[in-house]
Amino acid sequence: MAESAACREYLGEAFTTGYIAVKQADLASYKRVISSWEREFLLLTV
């Protein structure tokens, strides 16, 4: 999406840049959290 000229053309530069920033922050936050499944099956079995 970051390289898509069509997105920037149709949605606008500001929206596209903001959307990408929000989604990158969401992904970084998601990667920091250990789920209950991971705690139960990965951490307790090692």
PDB file of N, CA and C in Angstrom:
ATOM      1  N   MET A   1       0.825  -1.188   0.000  1.00  0.00           N
ATOM      2  CA  MET A   1       0.000   0.000   0.000  1.00  0.00           C
ATOM      3  C   MET A   1       0.874   1.258   0.000  1.00  0.00           C
ATOM      4  N   ALA A   2       1.983   1.191   0.672  1.00  0.00           N
ATOM      5  CA  ALA A   2       2.856   2.361   0.757  1.00  0.00           C
ATOM      6  C   ALA A   2       3.396   2.771  -0.612  1.00  0.00           C
ATOM      7  N   GLU A   3       3.590   1.790  -1.483  1.00  0.00           N
ATOM      8  CA  GLU A   3       4.123   2.085  -2.815  1.00  0.00           C
ATOM      9  C   GLU A   3       3.036   2.291  -3.857  1.00  0.00           C
ATOM     10  N   SER A   4       1.776   2.184  -3.473  1.00  0.00           N
ATOM     11  CA  SER A   4       0.677   2.242  -4.431  1.00  0.00           C
ATOM     12  C   SER A   4       0.323   3.686  -4.799  1.00  0.00           C
ATOM     13  N   ALA A   5       0.556   4.013  -6.036  1.00  0.00           N
ATOM     14  CA  ALA A   5       0.185   5.338  -6.530  1.00  0.00           C
ATOM     15  C   ALA A   5      -1.334   5.487  -6.585  1.00  0.00           C
ATOM     16  N   ALA A   6      -2.027   4.384  -6.861  1.00  0.00           N
ATOM     17  CA  ALA A   6      -3.493   4.422  -6.942  1.00  0.00           C
ATOM     18  C   ALA A   6      -4.103   4.786  -5.582  1.00  0.00           C
ATOM     19  N   CYS A   7      -3.586   4.204  -4.504  1.00  0.00           N
ATOM     20  CA  CYS A   7      -4.101   4.531  -3.167  1.00  0.00           C
ATOM     21  C   CYS A   7      -3.910   6.016  -2.874  1.00  0.00           C
ATOM     22  N   ARG A   8      -2.742   6.496  -3.161  1.00  0.00           N
ATOM     23  CA  ARG A   8      -2.459   7.906  -2.879  1.00  0.00           C
ATOM     24  C   ARG A   8      -3.314   8.822  -3.758  1.00  0.00           C
ATOM     25  N   GLU A   9      -3.557   8.396  -4.974  1.00  0.00           N
ATOM     26  CA  GLU A   9      -4.372   9.205  -5.876  1.00  0.00           C
ATOM     27  C   GLU A   9      -5.829   9.244  -5.435  1.00  0.00           C
ATOM     28  N   TYR A  10      -6.400   8.082  -5.120  1.00  0.00           N
ATOM     29  CA  TYR A  10      -7.827   8.007  -4.805  1.00  0.00           C
ATOM     30  C   TYR A  10      -8.149   8.363  -3.361  1.00  0.00           C
ATOM     31  N   LEU A  11      -7.272   7.992  -2.436  1.00  0.00           N
ATOM     32  CA  LEU A  11      -7.544   8.246  -1.017  1.00  0.00           C
ATOM     33  C   LEU A  11      -6.880   9.515  -0.501  1.00  0.00           C
ATOM     34  N   GLY A  12      -5.871   9.973  -1.191  1.00  0.00           N
ATOM     35  CA  GLY A  12      -5.152  11.178  -0.782  1.00  0.00           C
ATOM     36  C   GLY A  12      -3.878  10.835  -0.031  1.00  0.00           C
ATOM     37  N   GLU A  13      -2.929  11.710  -0.149  1.00  0.00           N
ATOM     38  CA  GLU A  13      -1.620  11.523   0.473  1.00  0.00           C
ATOM     39  C   GLU A  13      -1.727  11.472   1.992  1.00  0.00           C
ATOM     40  N   ALA A  14      -2.453  12.409   2.583  1.00  0.00           N
ATOM     41  CA  ALA A  14      -2.552  12.481   4.051  1.00  0.00           C
ATOM     42  C   ALA A  14      -3.221  11.237   4.626  1.00  0.00           C
ATOM     43  N   PHE A  15      -4.330  10.800   4.011  1.00  0.00           N
ATOM     44  CA  PHE A  15      -5.023   9.622   4.520  1.00  0.00           C
ATOM     45  C   PHE A  15      -4.150   8.381   4.405  1.00  0.00           C
ATOM     46  N   THR A  16      -3.528   8.187   3.239  1.00  0.00           N
ATOM     47  CA  THR A  16      -2.702   7.003   3.022  1.00  0.00           C
ATOM     48  C   THR A  16      -1.541   6.957   4.000  1.00  0.00           C
ATOM     49  N   THR A  17      -0.868   8.066   4.181  1.00  0.00           N
ATOM     50  CA  THR A  17       0.258   8.126   5.115  1.00  0.00           C
ATOM     51  C   THR A  17      -0.200   7.857   6.547  1.00  0.00           C
ATOM     52  N   GLY A  18      -1.298   8.451   6.944  1.00  0.00           N
ATOM     53  CA  GLY A  18      -1.838   8.237   8.292  1.00  0.00           C
ATOM     54  C   GLY A  18      -2.281   6.806   8.509  1.00  0.00           C
ATOM     55  N   TYR A  19      -2.955   6.227   7.533  1.00  0.00           N
ATOM     56  CA  TYR A  19      -3.434   4.854   7.636  1.00  0.00           C
ATOM     57  C   TYR A  19      -2.261   3.887   7.793  1.00  0.00           C
ATOM     58  N   ILE A  20      -1.237   4.086   7.000  1.00  0.00           N
ATOM     59  CA  ILE A  20      -0.051   3.225   7.083  1.00  0.00           C
ATOM     60  C   ILE A  20       0.605   3.351   8.449  1.00  0.00           C
ATOM     61  N   ALA A  21       0.709   4.552   8.970  1.00  0.00           N
ATOM     62  CA  ALA A  21       1.317   4.766  10.288  1.00  0.00           C
ATOM     63  C   ALA A  21       0.510   4.067  11.381  1.00  0.00           C
ATOM     64  N   VAL A  22      -0.808   4.166  11.319  1.00  0.00           N
ATOM     65  CA  VAL A  22      -1.660   3.520  12.324  1.00  0.00           C
ATOM     66  C   VAL A  22      -1.509   2.006  12.256  1.00  0.00           C
ATOM     67  N   LYS A  23      -1.520   1.444  11.060  1.00  0.00           N
ATOM     68  CA  LYS A  23      -1.405  -0.004  10.910  1.00  0.00           C
ATOM     69  C   LYS A  23      -0.028  -0.504  11.334  1.00  0.00           C
ATOM     70  N   GLN A  24       1.019   0.263  11.096  1.00  0.00           N
ATOM     71  CA  GLN A  24       2.349  -0.129  11.552  1.00  0.00           C
ATOM     72  C   GLN A  24       2.415  -0.118  13.084  1.00  0.00           C
ATOM     73  N   ALA A  25       1.782   0.873  13.713  1.00  0.00           N
ATOM     74  CA  ALA A  25       1.725   0.925  15.178  1.00  0.00           C
ATOM     75  C   ALA A  25       0.909  -0.238  15.728  1.00  0.00           C
ATOM     76  N   ASP A  26      -0.203  -0.575  15.079  1.00  0.00           N
ATOM     77  CA  ASP A  26      -1.010  -1.730  15.489  1.00  0.00           C
ATOM     78  C   ASP A  26      -0.186  -3.013  15.441  1.00  0.00           C
ATOM     79  N   LEU A  27       0.557  -3.208  14.373  1.00  0.00           N
ATOM     80  CA  LEU A  27       1.363  -4.410  14.220  1.00  0.00           C
ATOM     81  C   LEU A  27       2.460  -4.477  15.286  1.00  0.00           C
ATOM     82  N   ALA A  28       3.113  -3.361  15.549  1.00  0.00           N
ATOM     83  CA  ALA A  28       4.160  -3.335  16.574  1.00  0.00           C
ATOM     84  C   ALA A  28       3.573  -3.666  17.944  1.00  0.00           C
ATOM     85  N   SER A  29       2.391  -3.138  18.247  1.00  0.00           N
ATOM     86  CA  SER A  29       1.721  -3.431  19.516  1.00  0.00           C
ATOM     87  C   SER A  29       1.345  -4.902  19.600  1.00  0.00           C
ATOM     88  N   TYR A  30       0.828  -5.452  18.520  1.00  0.00           N
ATOM     89  CA  TYR A  30       0.437  -6.864  18.468  1.00  0.00           C
ATOM     90  C   TYR A  30       1.634  -7.775  18.716  1.00  0.00           C
ATOM     91  N   LYS A  31       2.779  -7.421  18.153  1.00  0.00           N
ATOM     92  CA  LYS A  31       3.973  -8.248  18.304  1.00  0.00           C
ATOM     93  C   LYS A  31       4.525  -8.227  19.722  1.00  0.00           C
ATOM     94  N   ARG A  32       4.196  -7.194  20.516  1.00  0.00           N
ATOM     95  CA  ARG A  32       4.694  -7.092  21.895  1.00  0.00           C
ATOM     96  C   ARG A  32       3.878  -7.921  22.881  1.00  0.00           C
ATOM     97  N   VAL A  33       2.678  -8.336  22.509  1.00  0.00           N
ATOM     98  CA  VAL A  33       1.780  -9.035  23.427  1.00  0.00           C
ATOM     99  C   VAL A  33       1.938 -10.542  23.283  1.00  0.00           C
ATOM    100  N   ILE A  34       2.014 -11.213  24.413  1.00  0.00           N
ATOM    101  CA  ILE A  34       2.044 -12.673  24.421  1.00  0.00           C
ATOM    102  C   ILE A  34       0.631 -13.146  24.723  1.00  0.00           C
ATOM    103  N   SER A  35       0.076 -13.928  23.835  1.00  0.00           N
ATOM    104  CA  SER A  35      -1.305 -14.392  24.003  1.00  0.00           C
ATOM    105  C   SER A  35      -1.385 -15.465  25.087  1.00  0.00           C
ATOM    106  N   SER A  36      -2.594 -15.736  25.549  1.00  0.00           N
ATOM    107  CA  SER A  36      -2.782 -16.775  26.559  1.00  0.00           C
ATOM    108  C   SER A  36      -2.374 -18.139  26.004  1.00  0.00           C
ATOM    109  N   TRP A  37      -2.632 -18.384  24.714  1.00  0.00           N
ATOM    110  CA  TRP A  37      -2.216 -19.639  24.094  1.00  0.00           C
ATOM    111  C   TRP A  37      -0.701 -19.772  24.119  1.00  0.00           C
ATOM    112  N   GLU A  38       0.002 -18.706  23.778  1.00  0.00           N
ATOM    113  CA  GLU A  38       1.467 -18.743  23.788  1.00  0.00           C
ATOM    114  C   GLU A  38       2.001 -18.998  25.194  1.00  0.00           C
ATOM    115  N   ARG A  39       1.419 -18.335  26.184  1.00  0.00           N
ATOM    116  CA  ARG A  39       1.846 -18.570  27.569  1.00  0.00           C
ATOM    117  C   ARG A  39       1.639 -20.021  27.962  1.00  0.00           C
ATOM    118  N   GLU A  40       0.480 -20.545  27.681  1.00  0.00           N
ATOM    119  CA  GLU A  40       0.149 -21.903  28.108  1.00  0.00           C
ATOM    120  C   GLU A  40       0.952 -22.961  27.362  1.00  0.00           C
ATOM    121  N   PHE A  41       1.008 -22.883  26.058  1.00  0.00           N
ATOM    122  CA  PHE A  41       1.596 -23.959  25.273  1.00  0.00           C
ATOM    123  C   PHE A  41       3.073 -23.793  24.955  1.00  0.00           C
ATOM    124  N   LEU A  42       3.569 -22.577  24.942  1.00  0.00           N
ATOM    125  CA  LEU A  42       4.964 -22.388  24.582  1.00  0.00           C
ATOM    126  C   LEU A  42       5.854 -22.142  25.803  1.00  0.00           C
ATOM    127  N   LEU A  43       5.440 -21.259  26.669  1.00  0.00           N
ATOM    128  CA  LEU A  43       6.289 -20.914  27.812  1.00  0.00           C
ATOM    129  C   LEU A  43       6.297 -22.004  28.877  1.00  0.00           C
ATOM    130  N   LEU A  44       5.170 -22.661  29.096  1.00  0.00           N
ATOM    131  CA  LEU A  44       5.096 -23.650  30.158  1.00  0.00           C
ATOM    132  C   LEU A  44       5.621 -25.023  29.748  1.00  0.00           C
ATOM    133  N   THR A  45       5.816 -25.245  28.464  1.00  0.00           N
ATOM    134  CA  THR A  45       6.298 -26.543  28.019  1.00  0.00           C
ATOM    135  C   THR A  45       7.803 -26.557  27.732  1.00  0.00           C
ATOM    136  N   VAL A  46       8.436 -25.433  27.844  1.00  0.00           N
ATOM    137  CA  VAL A  46       9.881 -25.362  27.553  1.00  0.00           C
ATOM    138  C   VAL A  46      10.667 -25.642  28.808  1.00  0.00           C
TER     139      VAL A  46
END
